[in-house]
Every structure is written in C-alpha cells, then in structure tokens.
C-alpha cells in the first residue's frame, strides 16, 4: 500500500465532527444556567443567600455607602 492510499484510509476512519460529551442514560445533562442550578440544588440557593448577606454587611460598613445613604435619606 502506498502512502497516498493509507492517508485516504485514515481520513475515512477519522470522525469529521467533534464528539458530544457522553451522558449516562439516567444522568441529567450538563447544567449551564445558574437558575437551573438553584432549582435543582437547594444548597446552592442557601450558599447564595449567605454570600448576599456578607456583601450587604460589607456594604453597610463602607463609609462611602453610608454617606450616600444619608444624603439620599435627607433628600426625601
């Protein structure tokens, strides 16, 4: 067999498309959006609320934020 023939045979065998990631029959497909993550995993939501609380706490302690809040409260 010549080089050209073997090259053609290899091209016939090789897949032309990228293979999709395999999932098992009962396994759920990959979850992309955070909304789906929250829906399927209640702990995710809990962790997220903990994160929100910590950012709110940091924000309350920030002097610039406090000054902004005071000026906003005085204007109303």
Protein backbone atom coordinates (compact mmCIF):
# COMPACT_ATOMS: atom_id res chain seq x y z
CA UNK A 1 0.00 0.00 0.00
CA UNK A 2 1.37 3.42 -0.94
CA UNK A 3 1.46 6.49 1.27
CA UNK A 4 -1.45 8.14 -0.58
CA UNK A 5 -3.74 5.13 -0.11
CA UNK A 6 -3.02 4.86 3.61
CA UNK A 7 -3.67 8.60 4.01
CA UNK A 8 -7.09 8.25 2.36
CA UNK A 9 -7.99 5.24 4.52
CA UNK A 10 -7.08 7.11 7.71
CA UNK A 11 -9.27 10.03 6.65
CA UNK A 12 -12.20 7.64 6.13
CA UNK A 13 -11.78 6.22 9.63
CA UNK A 14 -11.32 9.53 11.46
CA UNK A 15 -14.54 11.23 12.62
CA UNK A 16 -15.26 14.54 10.93
CA UNK A 17 -17.35 16.08 13.73
CA UNK A 18 -16.38 16.73 17.32
CA UNK A 19 -17.85 14.11 19.61
CA UNK A 20 -20.53 15.31 22.00
CA UNK A 21 -19.82 14.73 25.68
CA UNK A 22 -21.37 11.43 26.69
CA UNK A 23 -24.06 11.31 29.33
CA UNK A 24 -25.27 8.18 31.03
CA UNK A 25 -28.84 7.11 30.41
CA UNK A 26 -30.24 8.26 33.76
CA UNK A 27 -27.81 11.15 34.24
CA UNK A 28 -29.04 14.70 33.79
CA UNK A 29 -27.47 16.75 31.03
CA UNK A 30 -24.93 19.44 31.92
CA UNK A 31 -26.46 22.36 33.80
CA UNK A 32 -25.38 25.73 32.41
CA UNK A 33 -27.56 28.45 33.86
CA UNK A 34 -27.42 29.46 37.50
CA UNK A 35 -31.22 29.49 37.57
CA UNK A 36 -31.28 25.76 36.84
CA UNK A 37 -28.57 25.17 39.44
CA UNK A 38 -30.71 26.93 42.04
CA UNK A 39 -33.79 24.95 41.07
CA UNK A 40 -32.04 21.58 41.27
CA UNK A 41 -29.81 22.19 44.27
CA UNK A 42 -31.35 23.84 47.36
CA UNK A 43 -27.91 24.17 48.99
CA UNK A 44 -26.81 26.40 46.10
CA UNK A 45 -29.57 28.85 46.97
CA UNK A 46 -28.58 28.75 50.64
CA UNK A 47 -24.94 29.47 49.79
CA UNK A 48 -26.02 32.28 47.51
CA UNK A 49 -28.08 33.94 50.25
CA UNK A 50 -25.10 33.63 52.62
CA UNK A 51 -22.97 35.38 50.00
CA UNK A 52 -25.56 38.13 49.63
CA UNK A 53 -25.65 38.66 53.40
CA UNK A 54 -21.87 39.02 53.57
CA UNK A 55 -21.83 41.56 50.72
CA UNK A 56 -24.63 43.52 52.39
CA UNK A 57 -22.68 43.51 55.65
CA UNK A 58 -19.56 44.81 53.88
CA UNK A 59 -21.64 47.45 52.15
CA UNK A 60 -23.16 48.66 55.44
CA UNK A 61 -19.68 49.07 56.92
CA UNK A 62 -18.41 51.04 53.89
CA UNK A 63 -18.20 54.79 54.78
CA UNK A 64 -18.88 55.91 51.19
CA UNK A 65 -22.05 53.84 51.09
CA UNK A 66 -23.19 55.23 54.46
CA UNK A 67 -22.63 58.80 53.26
CA UNK A 68 -24.60 58.04 50.10
CA UNK A 69 -27.47 56.56 52.15
CA UNK A 70 -27.56 59.60 54.45
CA UNK A 71 -27.65 62.04 51.55
CA UNK A 72 -30.39 60.01 49.88
CA UNK A 73 -32.46 59.89 53.09
CA UNK A 74 -32.08 63.64 53.64
CA UNK A 75 -33.21 64.47 50.09
CA UNK A 76 -36.61 62.78 50.51
